[in-house]
Amino acid sequence: MQLCVALDLPSAEENLALARSLSGYDIWMKVGFRSYIRDGKEFLEALKAINPDFKIFLDLKLYDIPNTMADAAEEIAKLGIDMFNIHASAGAKAMREVMERLSKFENRPLVLAVTALTSFDNGSFETIYGKSIDEKAEEFARMSYENGLDGVVCSAFESRAIKSVTGEGFMTLCPGIRPFGEDAGDQQRVATLETAAQELVDFPVIGRPIYKDPEPAVKVARIMEIIS
């Protein structure tokens, strides 16, 4: 597993201070909507300046018509980030156009598709998608795999099943990880690191349990001992 730290603090200064405290680790940094809209490309550059070995996951969840998604994917690739995501429900054509557009880049970023947001419980998900989370997550994963994506964003509880219907190299990135059983907050489907390991998760995403800890570097050290 490779740790991905969610930079979800209220300001760029707080997020960069957190990154500096973790600069001794070659880990992934997740930059989401709020941080990127507020702080932009300069924030990504500031992260790399702290530690050039930080890997950056730009979590913007693209969802639009295929050509617009492909245009956006091309611009994202020019930022020099390492991974970004789209919504699987945008469909197979959008997936193909995104991957075709990225094929001209020598070192393109990894592309993942969001299956079901971890804020959904099964009832609310089924109201929108007409199927259970487990069933639809596997369906979305197969579609992503068949159309050339590198993996999916899912809960830890779907990871093993998704790999069984795609391939061992098909990656799973899983938010909602509470490494030592911390409070779930607004997440419905949370898992410990132990569960994530059992379910063959590639990227556990951890935010609040790290940045709300009085000593985030100590918390990360504990996490790294488990996943290394």
Protein backbone atom coordinates (compact mmCIF):
# COMPACT_ATOMS: atom_id res chain seq x y z
CA MET A 1 0.00 0.00 0.00
CA GLN A 2 1.03 3.58 -0.68
CA LEU A 3 -0.24 6.22 1.74
CA CYS A 4 -2.19 9.13 0.28
CA VAL A 5 -2.67 12.09 2.63
CA ALA A 6 -5.73 14.29 2.03
CA LEU A 7 -4.85 17.99 2.19
CA ASP A 8 -8.27 19.24 3.22
CA LEU A 9 -7.36 22.00 5.66
CA PRO A 10 -8.96 25.47 5.42
CA SER A 11 -5.95 27.32 3.98
CA ALA A 12 -2.94 26.78 1.75
CA GLU A 13 -0.67 27.76 4.63
CA GLU A 14 -2.09 25.02 6.87
CA ASN A 15 -1.87 22.42 4.13
CA LEU A 16 1.71 23.36 3.32
CA ALA A 17 2.65 23.28 6.99
CA LEU A 18 1.23 19.76 7.17
CA ALA A 19 3.19 18.79 4.05
CA ARG A 20 6.40 20.22 5.54
CA SER A 21 5.87 18.17 8.69
CA LEU A 22 5.68 15.05 6.47
CA SER A 23 8.51 15.99 4.12
CA GLY A 24 10.62 13.03 5.22
CA TYR A 25 8.21 10.57 3.62
CA ASP A 26 7.82 9.68 -0.06
CA ILE A 27 4.03 9.66 0.01
CA TRP A 28 1.06 10.77 -2.08
CA MET A 29 -0.68 14.09 -1.45
CA LYS A 30 -4.36 14.42 -2.40
CA VAL A 31 -5.36 17.89 -3.57
CA GLY A 32 -9.13 18.25 -3.83
CA PHE A 33 -11.70 20.77 -5.04
CA ARG A 34 -11.33 23.35 -2.32
CA SER A 35 -7.55 23.45 -2.32
CA TYR A 36 -7.16 23.51 -6.09
CA ILE A 37 -9.91 26.07 -6.76
CA ARG A 38 -8.55 28.34 -4.03
CA ASP A 39 -4.80 27.84 -4.47
CA GLY A 40 -4.32 26.66 -8.05
CA LYS A 41 -1.24 25.48 -9.89
CA GLU A 42 1.03 27.43 -7.53
CA PHE A 43 -0.04 25.19 -4.68
CA LEU A 44 1.00 22.08 -6.62
CA GLU A 45 4.37 23.67 -7.30
CA ALA A 46 4.77 24.56 -3.61
CA LEU A 47 4.15 20.93 -2.64
CA LYS A 48 6.82 19.70 -5.04
CA ALA A 49 9.21 22.34 -3.69
CA ILE A 50 8.80 20.87 -0.19
CA ASN A 51 9.64 17.37 -1.41
CA PRO A 52 10.15 16.61 -5.12
CA ASP A 53 9.35 12.97 -4.35
CA PHE A 54 5.82 13.76 -3.19
CA LYS A 55 3.33 12.23 -5.64
CA ILE A 56 0.29 14.40 -6.31
CA PHE A 57 -3.24 13.06 -6.77
CA LEU A 58 -5.50 15.78 -8.16
CA ASP A 59 -8.96 14.82 -6.93
CA LEU A 60 -11.32 16.77 -9.20
CA LYS A 61 -13.65 13.94 -10.30
CA LEU A 62 -14.20 15.08 -13.88
CA TYR A 63 -17.76 14.56 -15.10
CA ASP A 64 -18.98 16.19 -18.32
CA ILE A 65 -19.49 15.37 -21.99
CA PRO A 66 -16.63 13.26 -23.40
CA ASN A 67 -14.84 15.97 -25.39
CA THR A 68 -14.93 18.41 -22.49
CA MET A 69 -13.54 15.76 -20.16
CA ALA A 70 -10.77 14.95 -22.64
CA ASP A 71 -9.90 18.66 -22.95
CA ALA A 72 -9.72 18.94 -19.16
CA ALA A 73 -7.65 15.75 -18.87
CA GLU A 74 -5.12 17.13 -21.34
CA GLU A 75 -4.76 20.34 -19.33
CA ILE A 76 -4.40 18.35 -16.11
CA ALA A 77 -1.61 16.26 -17.65
CA LYS A 78 0.26 19.47 -18.46
CA LEU A 79 0.33 20.32 -14.75
CA GLY A 80 2.80 17.52 -14.13
CA ILE A 81 0.68 15.77 -11.50
CA ASP A 82 0.86 12.02 -11.00
CA MET A 83 -2.78 10.91 -10.82
CA PHE A 84 -6.30 12.29 -11.27
CA ASN A 85 -9.81 10.94 -11.40
CA ILE A 86 -13.03 11.03 -13.38
CA HIS A 87 -16.54 9.81 -12.59
CA ALA A 88 -17.18 6.33 -13.96
CA SER A 89 -20.81 7.27 -14.55
CA ALA A 90 -19.64 9.59 -17.35
CA GLY A 91 -19.53 6.37 -19.38
CA ALA A 92 -17.32 4.30 -21.63
CA LYS A 93 -17.07 6.87 -24.45
CA ALA A 94 -15.80 9.52 -22.06
CA MET A 95 -13.25 7.07 -20.66
CA ARG A 96 -11.97 6.21 -24.13
CA GLU A 97 -11.68 9.85 -25.19
CA VAL A 98 -9.80 10.77 -22.01
CA MET A 99 -7.32 7.93 -22.44
CA GLU A 100 -6.88 8.58 -26.16
CA ARG A 101 -6.12 12.25 -25.47
CA LEU A 102 -3.57 11.32 -22.82
CA SER A 103 -1.80 8.80 -25.07
CA LYS A 104 0.38 11.54 -26.58
CA PHE A 105 2.03 12.23 -23.22
CA GLU A 106 5.23 10.29 -22.64
CA ASN A 107 4.64 10.16 -18.88
CA ARG A 108 0.91 10.54 -18.52
CA PRO A 109 -0.71 10.64 -15.08
CA LEU A 110 -2.57 7.63 -13.74
CA VAL A 111 -6.32 7.87 -14.29
CA LEU A 112 -8.85 6.43 -11.86
CA ALA A 113 -12.65 6.31 -12.07
CA VAL A 114 -14.89 7.03 -9.10
CA THR A 115 -17.35 4.18 -8.57
CA ALA A 116 -19.44 5.14 -5.51
CA LEU A 117 -18.68 8.02 -3.20
CA THR A 118 -18.00 6.75 0.32
CA SER A 119 -20.59 9.21 1.68
CA PHE A 120 -23.33 7.00 0.16
CA ASP A 121 -25.04 4.28 2.11
CA ASN A 122 -26.60 1.50 0.05
CA GLY A 123 -30.14 2.90 0.16
CA SER A 124 -29.26 6.39 -1.05
CA PHE A 125 -26.97 4.98 -3.74
CA GLU A 126 -29.61 2.62 -5.07
CA THR A 127 -32.12 5.48 -5.29
CA ILE A 128 -29.85 7.19 -7.82
CA TYR A 129 -28.18 4.31 -9.65
CA GLY A 130 -30.83 1.59 -9.45
CA LYS A 131 -28.42 -1.07 -8.19
CA SER A 132 -26.58 -1.87 -4.97
CA ILE A 133 -23.17 -0.32 -4.34
CA ASP A 134 -21.42 -3.69 -4.66
CA GLU A 135 -23.09 -4.55 -7.96
CA LYS A 136 -22.63 -1.14 -9.56
CA ALA A 137 -19.06 -0.69 -8.30
CA GLU A 138 -18.03 -3.93 -10.01
CA GLU A 139 -19.87 -2.89 -13.18
CA PHE A 140 -18.13 0.51 -13.22
CA ALA A 141 -14.78 -1.15 -12.50
CA ARG A 142 -15.11 -3.56 -15.43
CA MET A 143 -16.02 -0.66 -17.71
CA SER A 144 -12.99 1.31 -16.50
CA TYR A 145 -10.68 -1.67 -16.95
CA GLU A 146 -11.97 -2.43 -20.44
CA ASN A 147 -11.47 1.18 -21.52
CA GLY A 148 -7.87 1.51 -20.43
CA LEU A 149 -8.04 3.25 -17.06
CA ASP A 150 -5.51 2.42 -14.36
CA GLY A 151 -7.91 1.81 -11.50
CA VAL A 152 -10.88 3.03 -9.53
CA VAL A 153 -11.80 4.99 -6.45
CA CYS A 154 -13.96 2.82 -4.21
CA SER A 155 -14.43 1.89 -0.58
CA ALA A 156 -12.09 -0.68 0.90
CA PHE A 157 -14.99 -3.12 1.08
CA GLU A 158 -15.25 -3.31 -2.72
CA SER A 159 -11.52 -3.51 -3.45
CA ARG A 160 -10.95 -7.27 -3.46
CA ALA A 161 -14.09 -8.00 -5.50
CA ILE A 162 -13.13 -5.32 -8.04
CA LYS A 163 -9.69 -6.86 -8.52
CA SER A 164 -11.30 -10.25 -9.05
CA VAL A 165 -13.35 -8.95 -12.00
CA THR A 166 -10.55 -6.84 -13.53
CA GLY A 167 -6.92 -7.75 -12.83
CA GLU A 168 -4.30 -7.76 -10.09
CA GLY A 169 -2.61 -4.69 -11.54
CA PHE A 170 -5.86 -2.70 -11.62
CA MET A 171 -5.49 -0.25 -8.75
CA THR A 172 -7.90 0.67 -5.99
CA LEU A 173 -7.73 3.97 -4.15
CA CYS A 174 -9.89 4.04 -1.07
CA PRO A 175 -11.03 7.07 0.92
CA GLY A 176 -12.72 6.70 4.28
CA ILE A 177 -9.77 4.99 5.93
CA ARG A 178 -9.70 5.40 9.68
CA PRO A 179 -6.34 3.73 10.41
CA PHE A 180 -6.91 2.96 14.07
CA GLY A 181 -10.71 3.09 14.29
CA GLU A 182 -11.10 6.88 14.55
CA ASP A 183 -14.49 8.60 14.21
CA ALA A 184 -16.14 8.11 10.80
CA GLY A 185 -17.34 11.71 10.45
CA ASP A 186 -19.44 12.14 7.28
CA GLN A 187 -18.24 8.88 5.71
CA GLN A 188 -20.63 5.92 5.61
CA ARG A 189 -18.26 3.10 4.63
CA VAL A 190 -15.03 3.41 6.59
CA ALA A 191 -12.30 0.83 7.16
CA THR A 192 -9.21 0.39 9.27
CA LEU A 193 -5.75 -0.15 7.80
CA GLU A 194 -6.01 -3.79 8.73
CA THR A 195 -9.17 -4.14 6.66
CA ALA A 196 -7.61 -2.18 3.80
CA ALA A 197 -4.67 -4.59 3.73
CA GLN A 198 -6.97 -7.61 3.78
CA GLU A 199 -8.98 -6.16 0.89
CA LEU A 200 -5.83 -5.53 -1.22
CA VAL A 201 -6.19 -1.74 -1.28
CA ASP A 202 -3.37 -0.02 -3.19
CA PHE A 203 -3.86 3.55 -1.97
CA PRO A 204 -5.46 4.20 1.45
CA VAL A 205 -6.52 7.85 1.61
CA ILE A 206 -6.28 9.33 5.09
CA GLY A 207 -7.14 12.90 6.00
CA ARG A 208 -8.71 13.87 9.30
CA PRO A 209 -7.02 11.16 11.40
CA ILE A 210 -3.70 12.69 10.32
CA TYR A 211 -4.28 16.43 10.15
CA LYS A 212 -6.43 16.57 13.29
CA ASP A 213 -3.82 14.68 15.29
CA PRO A 214 -1.70 16.94 17.54
CA GLU A 215 1.37 15.23 16.07
CA PRO A 216 0.57 14.32 12.45
CA ALA A 217 4.12 13.16 11.71
CA VAL A 218 3.93 10.68 14.58
CA LYS A 219 0.59 9.39 13.25
CA VAL A 220 2.08 8.98 9.77
CA ALA A 221 5.07 7.14 11.23
CA ARG A 222 2.67 4.67 12.88
CA ILE A 223 0.79 4.23 9.61
CA MET A 224 3.97 3.70 7.60
CA GLU A 225 5.12 1.00 9.99
CA ILE A 226 1.97 -0.93 9.18
CA ILE A 227 1.84 -0.48 5.41
CA SER A 228 5.55 -0.60 4.54
